[in-house]
Structures are given as structure tokens and as C-alpha cells.
Amino acid sequence: MMGFIFTPKPNAPKLPTDSVELAQLVREIGVEQFQRDQWKDNYKTFQTFDSKLGSSVNFTMEVEHPKIMREAYCVVEQIILSE
């Protein structure tokens, strides 16, 4: 199984934890604005379950992409320099 969750970006506004307060907020600003804010204020994090670890594994492309690209660049650089 795999799905996605929203992970708050640094300095993202805190949402109410109470479901009644959250529903009130959605009614005040509207569903469309709430959804836009969710995409703007959060990272889309893909999540899957690792049975060996016994827990979920998260992958946030906006956060992980620069790290992965640096590693890939280093591998390519080593291949080119070794020839």
C-alpha cells in the first residue's frame, strides 16, 4: 500500500487540531481556499509501509530531490574522472 500525506513546510501556519475548529475554519475560508492553502503550505509526502522496518517510510520529493541529485552527480563525476 502506498499513499500520500501533507507534511508542513517550515513556518507554515498551524491548523486547529480539534475537528470542530477545523470545520469552522473551512466554512470561514471556503473549501477551495483551504485546499489551495494545503498545497501551498505543505509538502506532498509519499508514504509506504516497510515490513522489514515495521513502520512507514516517507519520501518528500521537494526535500529529497536536491540530495538525490547531488549523489547522482557525484557518481557520474567519479565515473568520468576514473576513465
PDB file of N, CA and C in Angstrom:
ATOM      1  N   MET A   1       0.831  -1.185   0.000  1.00  0.00           N
ATOM      2  CA  MET A   1       0.000   0.000   0.000  1.00  0.00           C
ATOM      3  C   MET A   1       0.871   1.241   0.000  1.00  0.00           C
ATOM      4  N   MET A   2       0.391   2.233  -0.667  1.00  0.00           N
ATOM      5  CA  MET A   2       1.121   3.496  -0.712  1.00  0.00           C
ATOM      6  C   MET A   2       0.113   4.622  -0.846  1.00  0.00           C
ATOM      7  N   GLY A   3       0.453   5.743  -0.286  1.00  0.00           N
ATOM      8  CA  GLY A   3      -0.411   6.900  -0.375  1.00  0.00           C
ATOM      9  C   GLY A   3       0.410   8.147  -0.163  1.00  0.00           C
ATOM     10  N   PHE A   4      -0.272   9.257   0.089  1.00  0.00           N
ATOM     11  CA  PHE A   4       0.482  10.464   0.387  1.00  0.00           C
ATOM     12  C   PHE A   4      -0.181  11.216   1.531  1.00  0.00           C
ATOM     13  N   ILE A   5       0.645  11.994   2.186  1.00  0.00           N
ATOM     14  CA  ILE A   5       0.201  12.851   3.283  1.00  0.00           C
ATOM     15  C   ILE A   5       0.778  14.234   3.038  1.00  0.00           C
ATOM     16  N   PHE A   6       0.271  15.206   3.754  1.00  0.00           N
ATOM     17  CA  PHE A   6       0.850  16.535   3.718  1.00  0.00           C
ATOM     18  C   PHE A   6       1.768  16.701   4.920  1.00  0.00           C
ATOM     19  N   THR A   7       2.979  17.185   4.661  1.00  0.00           N
ATOM     20  CA  THR A   7       3.944  17.477   5.712  1.00  0.00           C
ATOM     21  C   THR A   7       4.137  18.987   5.743  1.00  0.00           C
ATOM     22  N   PRO A   8       3.899  19.633   6.875  1.00  0.00           N
ATOM     23  CA  PRO A   8       4.006  21.098   6.925  1.00  0.00           C
ATOM     24  C   PRO A   8       5.402  21.606   6.560  1.00  0.00           C
ATOM     25  N   LYS A   9       5.421  22.673   5.773  1.00  0.00           N
ATOM     26  CA  LYS A   9       6.677  23.344   5.462  1.00  0.00           C
ATOM     27  C   LYS A   9       7.087  24.171   6.674  1.00  0.00           C
ATOM     28  N   PRO A  10       8.387  24.506   6.764  1.00  0.00           N
ATOM     29  CA  PRO A  10       8.802  25.377   7.870  1.00  0.00           C
ATOM     30  C   PRO A  10       7.996  26.683   7.851  1.00  0.00           C
ATOM     31  N   ASN A  11       7.620  27.142   8.987  1.00  0.00           N
ATOM     32  CA  ASN A  11       6.855  28.387   9.172  1.00  0.00           C
ATOM     33  C   ASN A  11       5.437  28.333   8.608  1.00  0.00           C
ATOM     34  N   ALA A  12       4.930  27.138   8.317  1.00  0.00           N
ATOM     35  CA  ALA A  12       3.544  27.016   7.859  1.00  0.00           C
ATOM     36  C   ALA A  12       2.608  27.306   9.031  1.00  0.00           C
ATOM     37  N   PRO A  13       1.480  27.957   8.762  1.00  0.00           N
ATOM     38  CA  PRO A  13       0.536  28.214   9.852  1.00  0.00           C
ATOM     39  C   PRO A  13       0.005  26.907  10.427  1.00  0.00           C
ATOM     40  N   LYS A  14      -0.201  26.897  11.725  1.00  0.00           N
ATOM     41  CA  LYS A  14      -0.716  25.699  12.411  1.00  0.00           C
ATOM     42  C   LYS A  14      -2.218  25.596  12.203  1.00  0.00           C
ATOM     43  N   LEU A  15      -2.662  24.398  11.868  1.00  0.00           N
ATOM     44  CA  LEU A  15      -4.091  24.153  11.735  1.00  0.00           C
ATOM     45  C   LEU A  15      -4.665  23.739  13.083  1.00  0.00           C
ATOM     46  N   PRO A  16      -5.932  24.009  13.314  1.00  0.00           N
ATOM     47  CA  PRO A  16      -6.557  23.553  14.549  1.00  0.00           C
ATOM     48  C   PRO A  16      -6.529  22.027  14.617  1.00  0.00           C
ATOM     49  N   THR A  17      -6.272  21.492  15.789  1.00  0.00           N
ATOM     50  CA  THR A  17      -6.269  20.035  15.962  1.00  0.00           C
ATOM     51  C   THR A  17      -7.665  19.513  16.273  1.00  0.00           C
ATOM     52  N   ASP A  18      -8.526  20.375  16.740  1.00  0.00           N
ATOM     53  CA  ASP A  18      -9.901  20.000  17.053  1.00  0.00           C
ATOM     54  C   ASP A  18     -10.718  19.972  15.754  1.00  0.00           C
ATOM     55  N   SER A  19     -11.442  18.885  15.513  1.00  0.00           N
ATOM     56  CA  SER A  19     -12.187  18.744  14.263  1.00  0.00           C
ATOM     57  C   SER A  19     -13.281  19.800  14.113  1.00  0.00           C
ATOM     58  N   VAL A  20     -13.877  20.232  15.217  1.00  0.00           N
ATOM     59  CA  VAL A  20     -14.915  21.261  15.149  1.00  0.00           C
ATOM     60  C   VAL A  20     -14.295  22.594  14.723  1.00  0.00           C
ATOM     61  N   GLU A  21     -13.151  22.937  15.312  1.00  0.00           N
ATOM     62  CA  GLU A  21     -12.461  24.176  14.945  1.00  0.00           C
ATOM     63  C   GLU A  21     -11.984  24.125  13.491  1.00  0.00           C
ATOM     64  N   LEU A  22     -11.516  22.961  13.052  1.00  0.00           N
ATOM     65  CA  LEU A  22     -11.065  22.819  11.674  1.00  0.00           C
ATOM     66  C   LEU A  22     -12.237  22.992  10.702  1.00  0.00           C
ATOM     67  N   ALA A  23     -13.370  22.389  11.028  1.00  0.00           N
ATOM     68  CA  ALA A  23     -14.564  22.538  10.186  1.00  0.00           C
ATOM     69  C   ALA A  23     -15.000  24.003  10.126  1.00  0.00           C
ATOM     70  N   GLN A  24     -14.899  24.696  11.250  1.00  0.00           N
ATOM     71  CA  GLN A  24     -15.247  26.121  11.304  1.00  0.00           C
ATOM     72  C   GLN A  24     -14.331  26.931  10.385  1.00  0.00           C
ATOM     73  N   LEU A  25     -13.038  26.632  10.427  1.00  0.00           N
ATOM     74  CA  LEU A  25     -12.073  27.317   9.568  1.00  0.00           C
ATOM     75  C   LEU A  25     -12.407  27.090   8.092  1.00  0.00           C
ATOM     76  N   VAL A  26     -12.704  25.853   7.729  1.00  0.00           N
ATOM     77  CA  VAL A  26     -13.040  25.531   6.336  1.00  0.00           C
ATOM     78  C   VAL A  26     -14.298  26.281   5.903  1.00  0.00           C
ATOM     79  N   ARG A  27     -15.282  26.356   6.783  1.00  0.00           N
ATOM     80  CA  ARG A  27     -16.504  27.105   6.449  1.00  0.00           C
ATOM     81  C   ARG A  27     -16.199  28.590   6.257  1.00  0.00           C
ATOM     82  N   GLU A  28     -15.306  29.143   7.086  1.00  0.00           N
ATOM     83  CA  GLU A  28     -14.984  30.571   7.009  1.00  0.00           C
ATOM     84  C   GLU A  28     -14.256  30.938   5.719  1.00  0.00           C
ATOM     85  N   ILE A  29     -13.254  30.139   5.348  1.00  0.00           N
ATOM     86  CA  ILE A  29     -12.443  30.499   4.173  1.00  0.00           C
ATOM     87  C   ILE A  29     -12.897  29.794   2.900  1.00  0.00           C
ATOM     88  N   GLY A  30     -13.700  28.772   3.018  1.00  0.00           N
ATOM     89  CA  GLY A  30     -14.174  28.022   1.861  1.00  0.00           C
ATOM     90  C   GLY A  30     -13.286  26.828   1.560  1.00  0.00           C
ATOM     91  N   VAL A  31     -13.894  25.809   1.011  1.00  0.00           N
ATOM     92  CA  VAL A  31     -13.177  24.560   0.734  1.00  0.00           C
ATOM     93  C   VAL A  31     -12.061  24.777  -0.283  1.00  0.00           C
ATOM     94  N   GLU A  32     -12.346  25.508  -1.350  1.00  0.00           N
ATOM     95  CA  GLU A  32     -11.330  25.709  -2.382  1.00  0.00           C
ATOM     96  C   GLU A  32     -10.109  26.441  -1.847  1.00  0.00           C
ATOM     97  N   GLN A  33     -10.335  27.484  -1.057  1.00  0.00           N
ATOM     98  CA  GLN A  33      -9.202  28.223  -0.478  1.00  0.00           C
ATOM     99  C   GLN A  33      -8.437  27.345   0.499  1.00  0.00           C
ATOM    100  N   PHE A  34      -9.141  26.559   1.282  1.00  0.00           N
ATOM    101  CA  PHE A  34      -8.482  25.648   2.225  1.00  0.00           C
ATOM    102  C   PHE A  34      -7.587  24.665   1.473  1.00  0.00           C
ATOM    103  N   GLN A  35      -8.096  24.093   0.383  1.00  0.00           N
ATOM    104  CA  GLN A  35      -7.299  23.152  -0.405  1.00  0.00           C
ATOM    105  C   GLN A  35      -6.089  23.838  -1.029  1.00  0.00           C
ATOM    106  N   ARG A  36      -6.263  25.043  -1.557  1.00  0.00           N
ATOM    107  CA  ARG A  36      -5.116  25.781  -2.112  1.00  0.00           C
ATOM    108  C   ARG A  36      -4.058  26.021  -1.033  1.00  0.00           C
ATOM    109  N   ASP A  37      -4.525  26.409   0.151  1.00  0.00           N
ATOM    110  CA  ASP A  37      -3.587  26.660   1.246  1.00  0.00           C
ATOM    111  C   ASP A  37      -2.839  25.389   1.642  1.00  0.00           C
ATOM    112  N   GLN A  38      -3.521  24.256   1.608  1.00  0.00           N
ATOM    113  CA  GLN A  38      -2.867  22.993   1.958  1.00  0.00           C
ATOM    114  C   GLN A  38      -1.733  22.674   0.991  1.00  0.00           C
ATOM    115  N   TRP A  39      -1.971  22.901  -0.297  1.00  0.00           N
ATOM    116  CA  TRP A  39      -0.925  22.632  -1.277  1.00  0.00           C
ATOM    117  C   TRP A  39       0.209  23.646  -1.180  1.00  0.00           C
ATOM    118  N   LYS A  40      -0.099  24.872  -0.779  1.00  0.00           N
ATOM    119  CA  LYS A  40       0.915  25.927  -0.683  1.00  0.00           C
ATOM    120  C   LYS A  40       1.750  25.775   0.594  1.00  0.00           C
ATOM    121  N   ASP A  41       1.121  25.396   1.687  1.00  0.00           N
ATOM    122  CA  ASP A  41       1.779  25.388   2.997  1.00  0.00           C
ATOM    123  C   ASP A  41       2.388  24.043   3.383  1.00  0.00           C
ATOM    124  N   ASN A  42       2.221  23.030   2.542  1.00  0.00           N
ATOM    125  CA  ASN A  42       2.694  21.689   2.887  1.00  0.00           C
ATOM    126  C   ASN A  42       3.455  21.063   1.735  1.00  0.00           C
ATOM    127  N   TYR A  43       4.331  20.127   2.088  1.00  0.00           N
ATOM    128  CA  TYR A  43       4.977  19.281   1.099  1.00  0.00           C
ATOM    129  C   TYR A  43       4.078  18.069   0.871  1.00  0.00           C
ATOM    130  N   LYS A  44       4.036  17.569  -0.362  1.00  0.00           N
ATOM    131  CA  LYS A  44       3.351  16.307  -0.628  1.00  0.00           C
ATOM    132  C   LYS A  44       4.353  15.208  -0.331  1.00  0.00           C
ATOM    133  N   THR A  45       4.047  14.395   0.650  1.00  0.00           N
ATOM    134  CA  THR A  45       4.948  13.344   1.096  1.00  0.00           C
ATOM    135  C   THR A  45       4.342  11.987   0.763  1.00  0.00           C
ATOM    136  N   PHE A  46       5.069  11.208  -0.035  1.00  0.00           N
ATOM    137  CA  PHE A  46       4.612   9.865  -0.366  1.00  0.00           C
ATOM    138  C   PHE A  46       4.989   8.937   0.784  1.00  0.00           C
ATOM    139  N   GLN A  47       4.092   8.029   1.093  1.00  0.00           N
ATOM    140  CA  GLN A  47       4.312   7.176   2.248  1.00  0.00           C
ATOM    141  C   GLN A  47       3.989   5.728   1.874  1.00  0.00           C
ATOM    142  N   THR A  48       4.868   4.826   2.289  1.00  0.00           N
ATOM    143  CA  THR A  48       4.634   3.404   2.101  1.00  0.00           C
ATOM    144  C   THR A  48       5.042   2.683   3.378  1.00  0.00           C
ATOM    145  N   PHE A  49       4.668   1.452   3.502  1.00  0.00           N
ATOM    146  CA  PHE A  49       4.986   0.677   4.698  1.00  0.00           C
ATOM    147  C   PHE A  49       6.106  -0.290   4.379  1.00  0.00           C
ATOM    148  N   ASP A  50       7.139  -0.294   5.217  1.00  0.00           N
ATOM    149  CA  ASP A  50       8.257  -1.217   5.071  1.00  0.00           C
ATOM    150  C   ASP A  50       8.090  -2.321   6.108  1.00  0.00           C
ATOM    151  N   SER A  51       7.797  -3.535   5.645  1.00  0.00           N
ATOM    152  CA  SER A  51       7.543  -4.627   6.586  1.00  0.00           C
ATOM    153  C   SER A  51       8.801  -5.037   7.348  1.00  0.00           C
ATOM    154  N   LYS A  52       9.975  -4.844   6.747  1.00  0.00           N
ATOM    155  CA  LYS A  52      11.220  -5.174   7.457  1.00  0.00           C
ATOM    156  C   LYS A  52      11.443  -4.218   8.627  1.00  0.00           C
ATOM    157  N   LEU A  53      11.166  -2.935   8.398  1.00  0.00           N
ATOM    158  CA  LEU A  53      11.306  -1.939   9.465  1.00  0.00           C
ATOM    159  C   LEU A  53      10.126  -1.981  10.425  1.00  0.00           C
ATOM    160  N   GLY A  54       8.991  -2.421   9.911  1.00  0.00           N
ATOM    161  CA  GLY A  54       7.781  -2.433  10.728  1.00  0.00           C
ATOM    162  C   GLY A  54       7.183  -1.047  10.909  1.00  0.00           C
ATOM    163  N   SER A  55       7.498  -0.136   9.988  1.00  0.00           N
ATOM    164  CA  SER A  55       6.964   1.220  10.090  1.00  0.00           C
ATOM    165  C   SER A  55       6.856   1.829   8.692  1.00  0.00           C
ATOM    166  N   SER A  56       6.293   3.021   8.652  1.00  0.00           N
ATOM    167  CA  SER A  56       6.133   3.697   7.367  1.00  0.00           C
ATOM    168  C   SER A  56       7.436   4.372   6.953  1.00  0.00           C
ATOM    169  N   VAL A  57       7.588   4.539   5.647  1.00  0.00           N
ATOM    170  CA  VAL A  57       8.740   5.222   5.066  1.00  0.00           C
ATOM    171  C   VAL A  57       8.194   6.388   4.258  1.00  0.00           C
ATOM    172  N   ASN A  58       8.722   7.575   4.499  1.00  0.00           N
ATOM    173  CA  ASN A  58       8.245   8.778   3.828  1.00  0.00           C
ATOM    174  C   ASN A  58       9.270   9.264   2.804  1.00  0.00           C
ATOM    175  N   PHE A  59       8.757   9.787   1.694  1.00  0.00           N
ATOM    176  CA  PHE A  59       9.602  10.384   0.664  1.00  0.00           C
ATOM    177  C   PHE A  59       8.968  11.709   0.251  1.00  0.00           C
ATOM    178  N   THR A  60       9.676  12.790   0.519  1.00  0.00           N
ATOM    179  CA  THR A  60       9.204  14.123   0.160  1.00  0.00           C
ATOM    180  C   THR A  60      10.086  14.645  -0.963  1.00  0.00           C
ATOM    181  N   MET A  61       9.537  14.660  -2.173  1.00  0.00           N
ATOM    182  CA  MET A  61      10.329  14.975  -3.355  1.00  0.00           C
ATOM    183  C   MET A  61      11.010  16.344  -3.263  1.00  0.00           C
ATOM    184  N   GLU A  62      10.299  17.367  -2.816  1.00  0.00           N
ATOM    185  CA  GLU A  62      10.889  18.714  -2.749  1.00  0.00           C
ATOM    186  C   GLU A  62      12.077  18.769  -1.803  1.00  0.00           C
ATOM    187  N   VAL A  63      12.072  17.932  -0.787  1.00  0.00           N
ATOM    188  CA  VAL A  63      13.163  17.920   0.190  1.00  0.00           C
ATOM    189  C   VAL A  63      14.277  16.979  -0.260  1.00  0.00           C
ATOM    190  N   GLU A  64      13.908  15.800  -0.740  1.00  0.00           N
ATOM    191  CA  GLU A  64      14.891  14.763  -1.079  1.00  0.00           C
ATOM    192  C   GLU A  64      15.557  14.973  -2.440  1.00  0.00           C
ATOM    193  N   HIS A  65      14.881  15.625  -3.377  1.00  0.00           N
ATOM    194  CA  HIS A  65      15.411  15.765  -4.738  1.00  0.00           C
ATOM    195  C   HIS A  65      16.815  16.367  -4.783  1.00  0.00           C
ATOM    196  N   PRO A  66      17.084  17.482  -4.101  1.00  0.00           N
ATOM    197  CA  PRO A  66      18.454  18.028  -4.160  1.00  0.00           C
ATOM    198  C   PRO A  66      19.503  17.045  -3.624  1.00  0.00           C
ATOM    199  N   LYS A  67      19.177  16.293  -2.585  1.00  0.00           N
ATOM    200  CA  LYS A  67      20.121  15.317  -2.032  1.00  0.00           C
ATOM    201  C   LYS A  67      20.395  14.202  -3.035  1.00  0.00           C
ATOM    202  N   ILE A  68      19.333  13.704  -3.658  1.00  0.00           N
ATOM    203  CA  ILE A  68      19.478  12.630  -4.637  1.00  0.00           C
ATOM    204  C   ILE A  68      20.277  13.110  -5.845  1.00  0.00           C
ATOM    205  N   MET A  69      20.002  14.322  -6.303  1.00  0.00           N
ATOM    206  CA  MET A  69      20.724  14.859  -7.455  1.00  0.00           C
ATOM    207  C   MET A  69      22.214  15.046  -7.142  1.00  0.00           C
ATOM    208  N   ARG A  70      22.544  15.492  -5.924  1.00  0.00           N
ATOM    209  CA  ARG A  70      23.956  15.630  -5.538  1.00  0.00           C
ATOM    210  C   ARG A  70      24.641  14.263  -5.558  1.00  0.00           C
ATOM    211  N   GLU A  71      23.977  13.241  -5.025  1.00  0.00           N
ATOM    212  CA  GLU A  71      24.557  11.896  -5.013  1.00  0.00           C
ATOM    213  C   GLU A  71      24.746  11.386  -6.436  1.00  0.00           C
ATOM    214  N   ALA A  72      23.742  11.578  -7.298  1.00  0.00           N
ATOM    215  CA  ALA A  72      23.843  11.129  -8.687  1.00  0.00           C
ATOM    216  C   ALA A  72      24.979  11.855  -9.402  1.00  0.00           C
ATOM    217  N   TYR A  73      25.111  13.153  -9.160  1.00  0.00           N
ATOM    218  CA  TYR A  73      26.178  13.927  -9.779  1.00  0.00           C
ATOM    219  C   TYR A  73      27.546  13.391  -9.349  1.00  0.00           C
ATOM    220  N   CYS A  74      27.682  13.089  -8.077  1.00  0.00           N
ATOM    221  CA  CYS A  74      28.957  12.553  -7.570  1.00  0.00           C
ATOM    222  C   CYS A  74      29.293  11.219  -8.220  1.00  0.00           C
ATOM    223  N   VAL A  75      28.292  10.358  -8.424  1.00  0.00           N
ATOM    224  CA  VAL A  75      28.526   9.069  -9.076  1.00  0.00           C
ATOM    225  C   VAL A  75      28.984   9.293 -10.513  1.00  0.00           C
ATOM    226  N   VAL A  76      28.270  10.147 -11.233  1.00  0.00           N
ATOM    227  CA  VAL A  76      28.654  10.432 -12.630  1.00  0.00           C
ATOM    228  C   VAL A  76      30.047  11.044 -12.692  1.00  0.00           C
ATOM    229  N   GLU A  77      30.332  11.957 -11.787  1.00  0.00           N
ATOM    230  CA  GLU A  77      31.647  12.595 -11.744  1.00  0.00           C
ATOM    231  C   GLU A  77      32.753  11.561 -11.502  1.00  0.00           C
ATOM    232  N   GLN A  78      32.526  10.627 -10.591  1.00  0.00           N
ATOM    233  CA  GLN A  78      33.530   9.583 -10.318  1.00  0.00           C
ATOM    234  C   GLN A  78      33.744   8.691 -11.529  1.00  0.00           C
ATOM    235  N   ILE A  79      32.654   8.394 -12.244  1.00  0.00           N
ATOM    236  CA  ILE A  79      32.778   7.546 -13.453  1.00  0.00           C
ATOM    237  C   ILE A  79      33.600   8.276 -14.499  1.00  0.00           C
ATOM    238  N   ILE A  80      33.322   9.551 -14.704  1.00  0.00           N
ATOM    239  CA  ILE A  80      34.028  10.332 -15.730  1.00  0.00           C
ATOM    240  C   ILE A  80      35.489  10.524 -15.344  1.00  0.00           C
ATOM    241  N   LEU A  81      35.766  10.818 -14.066  1.00  0.00           N
ATOM    242  CA  LEU A  81      37.143  11.069 -13.639  1.00  0.00           C
ATOM    243  C   LEU A  81      37.976   9.797 -13.604  1.00  0.00           C
ATOM    244  N   SER A  82      37.363   8.644 -13.474  1.00  0.00           N
ATOM    245  CA  SER A  82      38.123   7.387 -13.389  1.00  0.00           C
ATOM    246  C   SER A  82      38.536   6.872 -14.754  1.00  0.00           C
ATOM    247  N   GLU A  83      38.003   7.447 -15.812  1.00  0.00           N
ATOM    248  CA  GLU A  83      38.368   6.990 -17.163  1.00  0.00           C
ATOM    249  C   GLU A  83      39.548   7.743 -17.704  1.00  0.00           C
TER     250      GLU A  83
END
